[in-house]
Amino acid sequence: MGITPPTPTWGGIIAVGREHIRRAAWIATAAGLAIFVTVLSVNVLGDGVRDYLDPKVGI
């Protein structure tokens, strides 16, 4: 169950990046920022949809 090992995932990239953190910190940093931006965007989008569908909650 899940994604097969040769397929790159953000979590897998972060795990590999931990092994090379001193030489190439950008590997783990780029994947971590991608996760951060995605989660933040989904949260902001969810708040906007909630406010649009139930305007009484935003008051």
PDB file of N, CA and C in Angstrom:
ATOM      1  N   MET A   1       0.832  -1.156   0.000  1.00  0.00           N
ATOM      2  CA  MET A   1       0.000   0.000   0.000  1.00  0.00           C
ATOM      3  C   MET A   1       0.890   1.237   0.000  1.00  0.00           C
ATOM      4  N   GLY A   2       0.564   2.180  -0.842  1.00  0.00           N
ATOM      5  CA  GLY A   2       1.346   3.402  -0.914  1.00  0.00           C
ATOM      6  C   GLY A   2       2.084   3.510  -2.226  1.00  0.00           C
ATOM      7  N   ILE A   3       3.020   4.421  -2.254  1.00  0.00           N
ATOM      8  CA  ILE A   3       3.782   4.693  -3.463  1.00  0.00           C
ATOM      9  C   ILE A   3       5.000   3.778  -3.508  1.00  0.00           C
ATOM     10  N   THR A   4       5.304   3.238  -4.685  1.00  0.00           N
ATOM     11  CA  THR A   4       6.452   2.345  -4.811  1.00  0.00           C
ATOM     12  C   THR A   4       7.756   3.123  -4.634  1.00  0.00           C
ATOM     13  N   PRO A   5       8.792   2.492  -4.097  1.00  0.00           N
ATOM     14  CA  PRO A   5      10.026   3.175  -3.725  1.00  0.00           C
ATOM     15  C   PRO A   5      10.732   4.022  -4.781  1.00  0.00           C
ATOM     16  N   PRO A   6      10.801   3.680  -6.054  1.00  0.00           N
ATOM     17  CA  PRO A   6      11.544   4.590  -6.941  1.00  0.00           C
ATOM     18  C   PRO A   6      10.820   5.906  -7.236  1.00  0.00           C
ATOM     19  N   THR A   7       9.547   6.018  -6.873  1.00  0.00           N
ATOM     20  CA  THR A   7       8.792   7.243  -7.113  1.00  0.00           C
ATOM     21  C   THR A   7       9.164   8.289  -6.062  1.00  0.00           C
ATOM     22  N   PRO A   8       9.606   9.474  -6.483  1.00  0.00           N
ATOM     23  CA  PRO A   8       9.996  10.489  -5.492  1.00  0.00           C
ATOM     24  C   PRO A   8       8.777  11.097  -4.794  1.00  0.00           C
ATOM     25  N   THR A   9       8.873  11.242  -3.497  1.00  0.00           N
ATOM     26  CA  THR A   9       7.845  11.909  -2.697  1.00  0.00           C
ATOM     27  C   THR A   9       8.528  12.981  -1.851  1.00  0.00           C
ATOM     28  N   TRP A  10       7.768  13.953  -1.387  1.00  0.00           N
ATOM     29  CA  TRP A  10       8.368  15.007  -0.573  1.00  0.00           C
ATOM     30  C   TRP A  10       8.950  14.438   0.718  1.00  0.00           C
ATOM     31  N   GLY A  11       8.243  13.527   1.335  1.00  0.00           N
ATOM     32  CA  GLY A  11       8.762  12.913   2.559  1.00  0.00           C
ATOM     33  C   GLY A  11      10.023  12.109   2.306  1.00  0.00           C
ATOM     34  N   GLY A  12      10.050  11.391   1.190  1.00  0.00           N
ATOM     35  CA  GLY A  12      11.247  10.639   0.830  1.00  0.00           C
ATOM     36  C   GLY A  12      12.426  11.543   0.528  1.00  0.00           C
ATOM     37  N   ILE A  13      12.144  12.653  -0.125  1.00  0.00           N
ATOM     38  CA  ILE A  13      13.211  13.614  -0.431  1.00  0.00           C
ATOM     39  C   ILE A  13      13.773  14.212   0.854  1.00  0.00           C
ATOM     40  N   ILE A  14      12.915  14.496   1.812  1.00  0.00           N
ATOM     41  CA  ILE A  14      13.386  15.025   3.096  1.00  0.00           C
ATOM     42  C   ILE A  14      14.220  13.978   3.814  1.00  0.00           C
ATOM     43  N   ALA A  15      13.797  12.710   3.775  1.00  0.00           N
ATOM     44  CA  ALA A  15      14.555  11.647   4.433  1.00  0.00           C
ATOM     45  C   ALA A  15      15.939  11.494   3.817  1.00  0.00           C
ATOM     46  N   VAL A  16      16.030  11.530   2.499  1.00  0.00           N
ATOM     47  CA  VAL A  16      17.331  11.441   1.834  1.00  0.00           C
ATOM     48  C   VAL A  16      18.143  12.702   2.120  1.00  0.00           C
ATOM     49  N   GLY A  17      17.478  13.851   2.151  1.00  0.00           N
ATOM     50  CA  GLY A  17      18.170  15.110   2.405  1.00  0.00           C
ATOM     51  C   GLY A  17      18.800  15.177   3.782  1.00  0.00           C
ATOM     52  N   ARG A  18      18.215  14.453   4.752  1.00  0.00           N
ATOM     53  CA  ARG A  18      18.801  14.436   6.102  1.00  0.00           C
ATOM     54  C   ARG A  18      20.191  13.809   6.095  1.00  0.00           C
ATOM     55  N   GLU A  19      20.381  12.822   5.203  1.00  0.00           N
ATOM     56  CA  GLU A  19      21.696  12.180   5.119  1.00  0.00           C
ATOM     57  C   GLU A  19      22.751  13.128   4.550  1.00  0.00           C
ATOM     58  N   HIS A  20      22.338  14.109   3.760  1.00  0.00           N
ATOM     59  CA  HIS A  20      23.266  15.019   3.096  1.00  0.00           C
ATOM     60  C   HIS A  20      23.090  16.463   3.563  1.00  0.00           C
ATOM     61  N   ILE A  21      22.614  16.655   4.778  1.00  0.00           N
ATOM     62  CA  ILE A  21      22.239  17.986   5.255  1.00  0.00           C
ATOM     63  C   ILE A  21      23.446  18.934   5.326  1.00  0.00           C
ATOM     64  N   ARG A  22      24.618  18.427   5.622  1.00  0.00           N
ATOM     65  CA  ARG A  22      25.794  19.306   5.734  1.00  0.00           C
ATOM     66  C   ARG A  22      26.325  19.736   4.369  1.00  0.00           C
ATOM     67  N   ARG A  23      26.206  18.868   3.361  1.00  0.00           N
ATOM     68  CA  ARG A  23      26.736  19.182   2.038  1.00  0.00           C
ATOM     69  C   ARG A  23      25.718  19.859   1.138  1.00  0.00           C
ATOM     70  N   ALA A  24      24.453  19.468   1.259  1.00  0.00           N
ATOM     71  CA  ALA A  24      23.415  20.004   0.368  1.00  0.00           C
ATOM     72  C   ALA A  24      22.128  20.198   1.159  1.00  0.00           C
ATOM     73  N   ALA A  25      22.087  21.237   1.965  1.00  0.00           N
ATOM     74  CA  ALA A  25      20.925  21.501   2.811  1.00  0.00           C
ATOM     75  C   ALA A  25      19.697  21.858   1.992  1.00  0.00           C
ATOM     76  N   TRP A  26      19.893  22.301   0.757  1.00  0.00           N
ATOM     77  CA  TRP A  26      18.772  22.717  -0.082  1.00  0.00           C
ATOM     78  C   TRP A  26      17.867  21.554  -0.443  1.00  0.00           C
ATOM     79  N   ILE A  27      18.364  20.316  -0.392  1.00  0.00           N
ATOM     80  CA  ILE A  27      17.530  19.160  -0.749  1.00  0.00           C
ATOM     81  C   ILE A  27      16.352  19.054   0.221  1.00  0.00           C
ATOM     82  N   ALA A  28      16.653  18.989   1.502  1.00  0.00           N
ATOM     83  CA  ALA A  28      15.595  18.878   2.505  1.00  0.00           C
ATOM     84  C   ALA A  28      14.818  20.182   2.635  1.00  0.00           C
ATOM     85  N   THR A  29      15.495  21.310   2.471  1.00  0.00           N
ATOM     86  CA  THR A  29      14.831  22.600   2.613  1.00  0.00           C
ATOM     87  C   THR A  29      13.791  22.820   1.526  1.00  0.00           C
ATOM     88  N   ALA A  30      14.097  22.484   0.295  1.00  0.00           N
ATOM     89  CA  ALA A  30      13.153  22.679  -0.811  1.00  0.00           C
ATOM     90  C   ALA A  30      11.909  21.819  -0.629  1.00  0.00           C
ATOM     91  N   ALA A  31      12.092  20.562  -0.252  1.00  0.00           N
ATOM     92  CA  ALA A  31      10.939  19.691  -0.033  1.00  0.00           C
ATOM     93  C   ALA A  31      10.123  20.157   1.175  1.00  0.00           C
ATOM     94  N   GLY A  32      10.797  20.586   2.223  1.00  0.00           N
ATOM     95  CA  GLY A  32      10.090  21.095   3.403  1.00  0.00           C
ATOM     96  C   GLY A  32       9.292  22.352   3.096  1.00  0.00           C
ATOM     97  N   LEU A  33       9.867  23.248   2.309  1.00  0.00           N
ATOM     98  CA  LEU A  33       9.133  24.458   1.913  1.00  0.00           C
ATOM     99  C   LEU A  33       7.946  24.122   1.021  1.00  0.00           C
ATOM    100  N   ALA A  34       8.090  23.130   0.154  1.00  0.00           N
ATOM    101  CA  ALA A  34       6.973  22.719  -0.695  1.00  0.00           C
ATOM    102  C   ALA A  34       5.824  22.183   0.148  1.00  0.00           C
ATOM    103  N   ILE A  35       6.135  21.387   1.149  1.00  0.00           N
ATOM    104  CA  ILE A  35       5.096  20.875   2.054  1.00  0.00           C
ATOM    105  C   ILE A  35       4.454  22.032   2.811  1.00  0.00           C
ATOM    106  N   PHE A  36       5.273  22.950   3.326  1.00  0.00           N
ATOM    107  CA  PHE A  36       4.769  24.090   4.081  1.00  0.00           C
ATOM    108  C   PHE A  36       3.819  24.942   3.250  1.00  0.00           C
ATOM    109  N   VAL A  37       4.219  25.272   2.032  1.00  0.00           N
ATOM    110  CA  VAL A  37       3.397  26.118   1.163  1.00  0.00           C
ATOM    111  C   VAL A  37       2.100  25.409   0.792  1.00  0.00           C
ATOM    112  N   THR A  38       2.170  24.113   0.532  1.00  0.00           N
ATOM    113  CA  THR A  38       0.967  23.352   0.179  1.00  0.00           C
ATOM    114  C   THR A  38      -0.020  23.307   1.337  1.00  0.00           C
ATOM    115  N   VAL A  39       0.455  23.010   2.521  1.00  0.00           N
ATOM    116  CA  VAL A  39      -0.427  22.936   3.694  1.00  0.00           C
ATOM    117  C   VAL A  39      -1.008  24.308   4.016  1.00  0.00           C
ATOM    118  N   LEU A  40      -0.197  25.346   3.944  1.00  0.00           N
ATOM    119  CA  LEU A  40      -0.687  26.696   4.195  1.00  0.00           C
ATOM    120  C   LEU A  40      -1.755  27.089   3.182  1.00  0.00           C
ATOM    121  N   SER A  41      -1.531  26.771   1.907  1.00  0.00           N
ATOM    122  CA  SER A  41      -2.506  27.099   0.862  1.00  0.00           C
ATOM    123  C   SER A  41      -3.824  26.375   1.069  1.00  0.00           C
ATOM    124  N   VAL A  42      -3.758  25.102   1.433  1.00  0.00           N
ATOM    125  CA  VAL A  42      -4.989  24.341   1.670  1.00  0.00           C
ATOM    126  C   VAL A  42      -5.740  24.914   2.866  1.00  0.00           C
ATOM    127  N   ASN A  43      -5.018  25.324   3.906  1.00  0.00           N
ATOM    128  CA  ASN A  43      -5.675  25.918   5.075  1.00  0.00           C
ATOM    129  C   ASN A  43      -6.341  27.242   4.733  1.00  0.00           C
ATOM    130  N   VAL A  44      -5.664  28.092   3.992  1.00  0.00           N
ATOM    131  CA  VAL A  44      -6.233  29.391   3.612  1.00  0.00           C
ATOM    132  C   VAL A  44      -7.435  29.184   2.702  1.00  0.00           C
ATOM    133  N   LEU A  45      -7.317  28.257   1.742  1.00  0.00           N
ATOM    134  CA  LEU A  45      -8.434  27.947   0.857  1.00  0.00           C
ATOM    135  C   LEU A  45      -9.629  27.404   1.645  1.00  0.00           C
ATOM    136  N   GLY A  46      -9.375  26.524   2.606  1.00  0.00           N
ATOM    137  CA  GLY A  46     -10.448  25.989   3.442  1.00  0.00           C
ATOM    138  C   GLY A  46     -11.136  27.062   4.256  1.00  0.00           C
ATOM    139  N   ASP A  47     -10.361  27.994   4.804  1.00  0.00           N
ATOM    140  CA  ASP A  47     -10.959  29.107   5.551  1.00  0.00           C
ATOM    141  C   ASP A  47     -11.811  29.981   4.648  1.00  0.00           C
ATOM    142  N   GLY A  48     -11.344  30.225   3.431  1.00  0.00           N
ATOM    143  CA  GLY A  48     -12.118  31.035   2.489  1.00  0.00           C
ATOM    144  C   GLY A  48     -13.424  30.364   2.092  1.00  0.00           C
ATOM    145  N   VAL A  49     -13.379  29.066   1.853  1.00  0.00           N
ATOM    146  CA  VAL A  49     -14.600  28.333   1.503  1.00  0.00           C
ATOM    147  C   VAL A  49     -15.574  28.331   2.669  1.00  0.00           C
ATOM    148  N   ARG A  50     -15.062  28.145   3.886  1.00  0.00           N
ATOM    149  CA  ARG A  50     -15.932  28.167   5.071  1.00  0.00           C
ATOM    150  C   ARG A  50     -16.586  29.536   5.238  1.00  0.00           C
ATOM    151  N   ASP A  51     -15.821  30.596   5.081  1.00  0.00           N
ATOM    152  CA  ASP A  51     -16.373  31.943   5.209  1.00  0.00           C
ATOM    153  C   ASP A  51     -17.386  32.235   4.114  1.00  0.00           C
ATOM    154  N   TYR A  52     -17.148  31.719   2.926  1.00  0.00           N
ATOM    155  CA  TYR A  52     -18.073  31.942   1.808  1.00  0.00           C
ATOM    156  C   TYR A  52     -19.387  31.200   2.022  1.00  0.00           C
ATOM    157  N   LEU A  53     -19.294  29.969   2.506  1.00  0.00           N
ATOM    158  CA  LEU A  53     -20.496  29.151   2.661  1.00  0.00           C
ATOM    159  C   LEU A  53     -21.264  29.467   3.955  1.00  0.00           C
ATOM    160  N   ASP A  54     -20.584  29.955   4.972  1.00  0.00           N
ATOM    161  CA  ASP A  54     -21.231  30.277   6.250  1.00  0.00           C
ATOM    162  C   ASP A  54     -20.726  31.646   6.716  1.00  0.00           C
ATOM    163  N   PRO A  55     -21.278  32.732   6.175  1.00  0.00           N
ATOM    164  CA  PRO A  55     -20.748  34.062   6.500  1.00  0.00           C
ATOM    165  C   PRO A  55     -20.937  34.458   7.969  1.00  0.00           C
ATOM    166  N   LYS A  56     -21.834  33.797   8.712  1.00  0.00           N
ATOM    167  CA  LYS A  56     -22.032  34.143  10.120  1.00  0.00           C
ATOM    168  C   LYS A  56     -20.835  33.774  10.971  1.00  0.00           C
ATOM    169  N   VAL A  57     -20.044  32.779  10.541  1.00  0.00           N
ATOM    170  CA  VAL A  57     -18.905  32.344  11.329  1.00  0.00           C
ATOM    171  C   VAL A  57     -17.815  33.418  11.326  1.00  0.00           C
ATOM    172  N   GLY A  58     -17.640  34.149  10.238  1.00  0.00           N
ATOM    173  CA  GLY A  58     -16.601  35.153  10.114  1.00  0.00           C
ATOM    174  C   GLY A  58     -16.840  36.420  10.926  1.00  0.00           C
ATOM    175  N   ILE A  59     -18.006  36.580  11.489  1.00  0.00           N
ATOM    176  CA  ILE A  59     -18.329  37.820  12.233  1.00  0.00           C
ATOM    177  C   ILE A  59     -17.850  37.741  13.657  1.00  0.00           C
TER     178      ILE A  59
END
